[in-house]
């Protein structure tokens, strides 16, 4: 009985987390900023434009924005999720923050030869 109550508590806790972020699903009008800094080639490049992007439910445990699946259970209390990786000489990462009716997404990649990033700042439609 004790284990059943404990299991029920964790299932309830995880489903509450999902319900908390479910209102963020939908389409966002995003200002997108791309940046490329190539120290090897000696140039910088910036571009800013606007597009509609969708935050959708991937499955019962994850939502997804662009190429980033976001597990509901790993979203911090401040609405932030981060994932970063490093392989010898290459690093990359993605971050998403959900607050009020806004979405902030940041993707970056880098090597010793350069750095590229893209940022999405959007309001839910």
Protein backbone atom coordinates (compact mmCIF):
# COMPACT_ATOMS: atom_id res chain seq x y z
CA UNK A 1 0.00 0.00 0.00
CA UNK A 2 2.86 2.35 0.89
CA UNK A 3 4.50 1.81 -2.51
CA UNK A 4 1.21 2.33 -4.33
CA UNK A 5 0.74 5.72 -2.63
CA UNK A 6 4.31 6.71 -3.47
CA UNK A 7 3.80 5.71 -7.11
CA UNK A 8 0.53 7.65 -7.25
CA UNK A 9 2.29 10.72 -5.82
CA UNK A 10 5.01 10.67 -8.52
CA UNK A 11 2.53 10.09 -11.35
CA UNK A 12 0.46 13.04 -10.10
CA UNK A 13 3.56 15.21 -9.77
CA UNK A 14 4.69 14.50 -13.35
CA UNK A 15 1.24 15.02 -14.84
CA UNK A 16 0.93 18.36 -13.01
CA UNK A 17 4.18 19.48 -14.62
CA UNK A 18 2.75 18.63 -18.05
CA UNK A 19 -0.46 20.57 -17.37
CA UNK A 20 1.57 23.55 -16.16
CA UNK A 21 3.32 23.92 -19.54
CA UNK A 22 0.54 22.72 -21.84
CA UNK A 23 -0.86 26.29 -22.24
CA UNK A 24 2.42 27.25 -23.96
CA UNK A 25 1.72 24.93 -26.91
CA UNK A 26 0.83 26.81 -30.08
CA UNK A 27 2.18 29.23 -32.67
CA UNK A 28 4.54 32.10 -31.86
CA UNK A 29 5.44 35.13 -33.94
CA UNK A 30 9.21 35.17 -33.50
CA UNK A 31 11.93 37.67 -34.16
CA UNK A 32 14.86 35.53 -35.26
CA UNK A 33 18.48 36.65 -35.04
CA UNK A 34 21.29 34.63 -36.60
CA UNK A 35 24.93 35.36 -35.87
CA UNK A 36 28.10 33.92 -37.40
CA UNK A 37 31.56 34.79 -36.14
CA UNK A 38 34.36 33.14 -38.09
CA UNK A 39 37.72 34.06 -36.60
CA UNK A 40 39.44 31.72 -39.06
CA UNK A 41 38.00 33.54 -42.10
CA UNK A 42 37.91 36.97 -40.45
CA UNK A 43 34.25 37.90 -40.85
CA UNK A 44 31.09 38.42 -38.81
CA UNK A 45 27.56 38.12 -40.13
CA UNK A 46 24.20 38.98 -38.56
CA UNK A 47 20.67 38.58 -39.88
CA UNK A 48 17.32 39.40 -38.27
CA UNK A 49 13.89 38.44 -39.59
CA UNK A 50 10.40 37.41 -38.40
CA UNK A 51 8.64 34.04 -38.80
CA UNK A 52 5.83 32.05 -37.22
CA UNK A 53 7.08 28.97 -35.38
CA UNK A 54 5.21 26.26 -33.50
CA UNK A 55 5.72 24.74 -30.08
CA UNK A 56 3.86 21.44 -30.17
CA UNK A 57 3.37 18.32 -28.09
CA UNK A 58 5.70 15.63 -29.40
CA UNK A 59 4.24 12.87 -27.24
CA UNK A 60 2.79 12.54 -23.76
CA UNK A 61 6.13 13.33 -22.07
CA UNK A 62 7.71 15.94 -24.38
CA UNK A 63 6.97 19.14 -26.22
CA UNK A 64 9.12 20.26 -29.16
CA UNK A 65 10.30 23.54 -30.66
CA UNK A 66 12.25 23.35 -33.91
CA UNK A 67 14.76 20.47 -33.39
CA UNK A 68 14.60 20.57 -29.59
CA UNK A 69 12.45 18.01 -27.76
CA UNK A 70 11.75 19.36 -24.27
CA UNK A 71 10.84 16.78 -21.60
CA UNK A 72 8.17 18.28 -19.34
CA UNK A 73 9.85 16.83 -16.26
CA UNK A 74 13.15 18.66 -16.91
CA UNK A 75 11.71 22.16 -17.27
CA UNK A 76 12.93 24.14 -14.28
CA UNK A 77 10.57 26.13 -12.05
CA UNK A 78 11.60 29.34 -13.83
CA UNK A 79 10.38 27.87 -17.18
CA UNK A 80 13.88 27.14 -18.50
CA UNK A 81 15.31 24.04 -20.16
CA UNK A 82 18.96 23.67 -21.25
CA UNK A 83 20.84 20.98 -23.15
CA UNK A 84 24.53 21.26 -24.05
CA UNK A 85 27.11 18.92 -25.52
CA UNK A 86 30.86 18.79 -26.06
CA UNK A 87 32.85 16.52 -28.33
CA UNK A 88 36.57 17.15 -28.78
CA UNK A 89 36.82 20.53 -30.51
CA UNK A 90 33.07 21.03 -31.03
CA UNK A 91 30.43 22.31 -28.63
CA UNK A 92 26.74 23.00 -29.11
CA UNK A 93 23.69 23.60 -27.02
CA UNK A 94 20.09 24.66 -26.94
CA UNK A 95 18.03 26.53 -24.40
CA UNK A 96 14.36 27.37 -24.19
CA UNK A 97 12.57 29.58 -21.68
CA UNK A 98 8.78 29.79 -21.38
CA UNK A 99 7.38 32.75 -19.43
CA UNK A 100 3.98 34.43 -19.50
CA UNK A 101 2.95 34.27 -23.17
CA UNK A 102 6.53 34.37 -24.48
CA UNK A 103 9.10 31.92 -25.75
CA UNK A 104 12.88 32.41 -25.90
CA UNK A 105 14.96 29.85 -27.79
CA UNK A 106 18.74 29.88 -28.23
CA UNK A 107 20.80 27.43 -30.28
CA UNK A 108 24.59 27.71 -30.56
CA UNK A 109 27.46 25.78 -32.11
CA UNK A 110 31.16 26.45 -32.03
CA UNK A 111 34.65 25.26 -32.78
CA UNK A 112 38.07 26.92 -32.59
CA UNK A 113 37.40 28.27 -36.10
CA UNK A 114 34.08 29.98 -35.44
CA UNK A 115 30.78 30.34 -33.66
CA UNK A 116 27.19 30.30 -34.95
CA UNK A 117 23.99 31.04 -33.04
CA UNK A 118 20.31 31.60 -33.65
CA UNK A 119 17.83 33.19 -31.24
CA UNK A 120 14.04 33.14 -31.34
CA UNK A 121 12.06 35.65 -29.30
CA UNK A 122 8.33 35.21 -29.70
CA UNK A 123 4.88 36.00 -28.38
CA UNK A 124 2.14 33.42 -28.58
CA UNK A 125 -0.51 34.16 -31.22
